[in-house]
Amino acid sequence: MKLFADTASIQEIEKLLSLGVVQGVTTNPSLLSKEPKADFHQHIQKIADLCKDHNLSVPLSVEVFAIDPKKMIDQAKEIFEKIDYENLNIKIPVGFDELHTIHELSNLGIPVNCTCCFTETQMQLAALSGARYVSLFYNRLRDAGGDPLEALKRTRNFIDSQMLPCEIIAGSIRNPYDIADAWSAGSHIVTAGFSVIEKATLHNKTDESIQGFLNDFEAWIK
């Protein structure tokens, strides 16, 4: 079970990599839009270089922003060629024609992270088409009345039974407990934002306990 950082912020990625708790980075166009305006490829290269600076070769997922499946292939090739990083993955949204895109890119040796999945069937088909990762929008599925835990369990069983070289990523994570729940349901990976990962280390009883230890020790040491 692995934890990825879901952010395009150089500062957040640097901090999280320094903690030693994340084993990958995922980005998307919305996350990039929150950063200061910059050249797309240069910004992604900065993230890749940051991973190298930490002597890591963690998976880095970068999403295409083309809509036409054929243009997605050209854009994926361009990103893969321009970014100097050995563990680069291209995010392709799930869809009928997009399965061909995933299959073609996979055959070209370009690892694909199939994103925007809301059902186990979407993830299963993407895995069959050659996706290296399939990403479930965990809390967005719950918002739509679905059961993300069941979707993760059934997809994990399918991937394991077929012995497919594909891992499940649970994204759209809003709460610290979602991380543990997704892992328990069979997700190989959870990708979460900086604030969620930070909150996962906090609990009011932890602060209360630490303060109690310090108060007791202070009374004793006098």
Protein backbone atom coordinates (compact mmCIF):
# COMPACT_ATOMS: atom_id res chain seq x y z
CA MET A 1 0.00 0.00 0.00
CA LYS A 2 1.43 3.30 -1.12
CA LEU A 3 0.71 7.00 -0.67
CA PHE A 4 1.06 9.50 -3.52
CA ALA A 5 0.97 13.29 -3.34
CA ASP A 6 -1.86 14.78 -5.39
CA THR A 7 -0.52 18.26 -6.13
CA ALA A 8 1.33 20.35 -8.68
CA SER A 9 2.87 22.65 -6.06
CA ILE A 10 6.67 22.55 -6.04
CA GLN A 11 6.72 23.61 -2.38
CA GLU A 12 4.22 20.96 -1.29
CA ILE A 13 5.96 18.20 -3.23
CA GLU A 14 9.36 19.15 -1.79
CA LYS A 15 7.98 19.10 1.76
CA LEU A 16 6.20 15.77 1.35
CA LEU A 17 9.18 14.10 -0.31
CA SER A 18 11.38 15.25 2.58
CA LEU A 19 9.10 13.43 5.04
CA GLY A 20 9.69 10.09 3.35
CA VAL A 21 5.99 9.18 3.31
CA VAL A 22 5.03 9.55 -0.36
CA GLN A 23 6.04 7.16 -3.11
CA GLY A 24 4.64 9.03 -6.09
CA VAL A 25 3.14 12.27 -7.42
CA THR A 26 -0.07 12.81 -9.39
CA THR A 27 -1.06 16.02 -11.14
CA ASN A 28 -3.96 17.17 -13.29
CA PRO A 29 -4.92 20.33 -15.23
CA SER A 30 -6.97 21.71 -12.30
CA LEU A 31 -4.06 21.37 -9.89
CA LEU A 32 -1.71 23.00 -12.39
CA SER A 33 -4.14 25.90 -12.85
CA LYS A 34 -3.72 26.78 -9.16
CA GLU A 35 0.00 27.40 -9.62
CA PRO A 36 1.61 30.62 -10.92
CA LYS A 37 1.45 30.79 -14.71
CA ALA A 38 4.38 29.01 -16.35
CA ASP A 39 5.35 26.91 -19.32
CA PHE A 40 3.59 23.54 -18.91
CA HIS A 41 6.58 21.35 -19.77
CA GLN A 42 8.97 23.44 -17.68
CA HIS A 43 6.75 23.16 -14.63
CA ILE A 44 6.45 19.38 -14.98
CA GLN A 45 10.22 19.14 -15.45
CA LYS A 46 10.70 21.04 -12.19
CA ILE A 47 8.60 18.43 -10.41
CA ALA A 48 10.60 15.64 -12.05
CA ASP A 49 13.90 17.30 -11.12
CA LEU A 50 12.70 17.66 -7.53
CA CYS A 51 12.12 13.92 -7.37
CA LYS A 52 15.62 13.36 -8.75
CA ASP A 53 17.07 15.77 -6.17
CA HIS A 54 15.67 13.52 -3.45
CA ASN A 55 17.34 10.53 -5.15
CA LEU A 56 13.96 9.11 -6.01
CA SER A 57 12.44 7.70 -9.16
CA VAL A 58 8.87 7.71 -7.95
CA PRO A 59 5.95 7.48 -10.42
CA LEU A 60 4.93 10.90 -11.73
CA SER A 61 1.55 11.13 -13.48
CA VAL A 62 0.84 13.98 -15.91
CA GLU A 63 -2.52 14.41 -17.62
CA VAL A 64 -3.16 15.32 -21.24
CA PHE A 65 -5.41 18.29 -21.89
CA ALA A 66 -6.54 17.34 -25.38
CA ILE A 67 -10.12 16.09 -25.86
CA ASP A 68 -9.88 14.19 -29.15
CA PRO A 69 -8.44 10.68 -28.53
CA LYS A 70 -6.10 10.92 -31.53
CA LYS A 71 -4.74 14.24 -30.30
CA MET A 72 -4.31 12.67 -26.85
CA ILE A 73 -1.85 10.22 -28.38
CA ASP A 74 0.19 12.99 -30.01
CA GLN A 75 0.16 15.04 -26.82
CA ALA A 76 1.10 12.05 -24.68
CA LYS A 77 4.07 11.35 -26.98
CA GLU A 78 5.15 14.98 -26.77
CA ILE A 79 5.01 15.04 -22.98
CA PHE A 80 6.84 11.73 -22.77
CA GLU A 81 9.57 12.97 -25.11
CA LYS A 82 10.04 16.42 -23.57
CA ILE A 83 10.11 15.48 -19.90
CA ASP A 84 13.41 13.98 -18.80
CA TYR A 85 12.20 11.46 -16.25
CA GLU A 86 12.31 7.67 -16.33
CA ASN A 87 9.14 6.99 -14.32
CA LEU A 88 6.71 9.25 -16.18
CA ASN A 89 3.09 8.16 -16.60
CA ILE A 90 0.50 9.80 -18.84
CA LYS A 91 -3.02 10.28 -17.50
CA ILE A 92 -5.78 9.52 -19.98
CA PRO A 93 -9.47 9.90 -19.01
CA VAL A 94 -11.59 6.78 -19.35
CA GLY A 95 -13.92 6.41 -22.33
CA PHE A 96 -14.78 4.02 -25.17
CA ASP A 97 -12.47 5.55 -27.80
CA GLU A 98 -9.96 6.33 -25.08
CA LEU A 99 -9.47 2.59 -24.52
CA HIS A 100 -7.80 2.52 -27.94
CA THR A 101 -5.62 5.45 -26.85
CA ILE A 102 -4.60 3.60 -23.70
CA HIS A 103 -3.89 0.42 -25.65
CA GLU A 104 -1.82 2.19 -28.31
CA LEU A 105 0.23 4.17 -25.79
CA SER A 106 0.84 1.02 -23.78
CA ASN A 107 2.07 -0.76 -26.89
CA LEU A 108 4.44 2.16 -27.49
CA GLY A 109 5.92 1.67 -24.02
CA ILE A 110 4.26 4.76 -22.56
CA PRO A 111 2.73 3.89 -19.16
CA VAL A 112 -0.85 5.12 -18.75
CA ASN A 113 -2.75 6.20 -15.67
CA CYS A 114 -6.43 5.92 -16.65
CA THR A 115 -8.24 8.63 -14.72
CA CYS A 116 -11.78 9.91 -14.04
CA CYS A 117 -13.10 6.40 -13.25
CA PHE A 118 -16.35 6.09 -11.30
CA THR A 119 -17.20 2.39 -11.69
CA GLU A 120 -15.39 -0.90 -11.32
CA THR A 121 -16.23 -1.76 -14.93
CA GLN A 122 -14.46 1.35 -16.19
CA MET A 123 -11.38 0.39 -14.20
CA GLN A 124 -11.54 -3.24 -15.29
CA LEU A 125 -11.76 -2.35 -18.98
CA ALA A 126 -8.93 0.16 -18.67
CA ALA A 127 -6.78 -2.46 -16.96
CA LEU A 128 -7.52 -4.92 -19.77
CA SER A 129 -6.60 -2.30 -22.39
CA GLY A 130 -3.14 -1.95 -20.88
CA ALA A 131 -3.36 0.81 -18.27
CA ARG A 132 -0.55 0.74 -15.70
CA TYR A 133 -2.80 2.50 -13.19
CA VAL A 134 -6.56 3.00 -12.91
CA SER A 135 -7.75 5.93 -10.81
CA LEU A 136 -11.07 5.93 -8.96
CA PHE A 137 -12.59 9.29 -7.97
CA TYR A 138 -13.35 8.07 -4.47
CA ASN A 139 -15.31 10.88 -2.80
CA ARG A 140 -16.86 12.13 -6.02
CA LEU A 141 -18.30 8.65 -6.48
CA ARG A 142 -19.67 8.78 -2.95
CA ASP A 143 -21.21 12.20 -3.73
CA ALA A 144 -23.00 10.57 -6.68
CA GLY A 145 -24.49 7.89 -4.42
CA GLY A 146 -21.99 5.17 -5.29
CA ASP A 147 -19.98 2.88 -3.02
CA PRO A 148 -16.25 3.50 -3.57
CA LEU A 149 -15.22 0.76 -1.14
CA GLU A 150 -17.16 -1.90 -3.04
CA ALA A 151 -15.79 -0.60 -6.36
CA LEU A 152 -12.25 -0.90 -5.02
CA LYS A 153 -12.80 -4.41 -3.64
CA ARG A 154 -14.32 -5.75 -6.85
CA THR A 155 -11.69 -4.14 -9.07
CA ARG A 156 -8.84 -5.45 -6.90
CA ASN A 157 -10.30 -8.96 -7.06
CA PHE A 158 -10.57 -8.68 -10.85
CA ILE A 159 -7.00 -7.44 -11.31
CA ASP A 160 -5.60 -10.10 -9.00
CA SER A 161 -7.60 -12.93 -10.59
CA GLN A 162 -6.49 -11.90 -14.09
CA MET A 163 -2.92 -11.23 -12.91
CA LEU A 164 -2.92 -7.89 -14.72
CA PRO A 165 0.12 -5.56 -14.35
CA CYS A 166 -2.10 -2.74 -13.12
CA GLU A 167 -2.49 -0.91 -9.81
CA ILE A 168 -5.52 0.91 -8.44
CA ILE A 169 -5.22 4.52 -7.32
CA ALA A 170 -7.89 6.02 -5.06
CA GLY A 171 -8.07 9.76 -5.70
CA SER A 172 -10.51 12.53 -4.78
CA ILE A 173 -9.61 11.99 -1.12
CA ARG A 174 -10.99 14.53 1.34
CA ASN A 175 -10.50 13.03 4.79
CA PRO A 176 -7.66 11.23 6.58
CA TYR A 177 -9.87 8.22 7.32
CA ASP A 178 -10.50 7.84 3.57
CA ILE A 179 -6.84 6.89 3.17
CA ALA A 180 -7.04 3.92 5.55
CA ASP A 181 -10.46 2.88 4.25
CA ALA A 182 -9.28 2.86 0.63
CA TRP A 183 -6.19 0.85 1.50
CA SER A 184 -8.29 -1.66 3.47
CA ALA A 185 -10.68 -2.03 0.52
CA GLY A 186 -7.85 -3.10 -1.78
CA SER A 187 -6.53 0.09 -3.34
CA HIS A 188 -2.82 -0.33 -4.06
CA ILE A 189 -2.31 3.42 -3.86
CA VAL A 190 -4.03 6.44 -2.34
CA THR A 191 -3.23 9.87 -3.75
CA ALA A 192 -4.09 12.78 -1.48
CA GLY A 193 -3.50 16.50 -1.23
CA PHE A 194 -1.07 18.15 1.15
CA SER A 195 -3.73 19.26 3.63
CA VAL A 196 -5.26 15.78 3.90
CA ILE A 197 -1.87 14.16 4.49
CA GLU A 198 -1.04 16.80 7.10
CA LYS A 199 -4.39 16.29 8.89
CA ALA A 200 -3.74 12.53 8.94
CA THR A 201 -0.94 13.15 11.46
CA LEU A 202 -3.14 15.16 13.85
CA HIS A 203 -5.55 14.30 16.66
CA ASN A 204 -6.70 16.44 19.57
CA LYS A 205 -6.02 13.59 22.01
CA THR A 206 -2.45 13.37 20.74
CA ASP A 207 -1.91 17.04 21.59
CA GLU A 208 -3.63 16.55 24.94
CA SER A 209 -1.49 13.53 25.79
CA ILE A 210 1.77 15.25 24.86
CA GLN A 211 0.89 18.28 26.95
CA GLY A 212 0.00 16.01 29.87
CA PHE A 213 3.40 14.29 29.68
CA LEU A 214 5.16 17.65 29.65
CA ASN A 215 3.12 18.99 32.57
CA ASP A 216 3.82 15.87 34.64
CA PHE A 217 7.53 16.00 33.85
CA GLU A 218 7.74 19.71 34.64
CA ALA A 219 6.14 19.11 38.05
CA TRP A 220 8.56 16.26 38.74
CA ILE A 221 11.79 17.97 37.58
CA LYS A 222 11.34 21.05 39.81
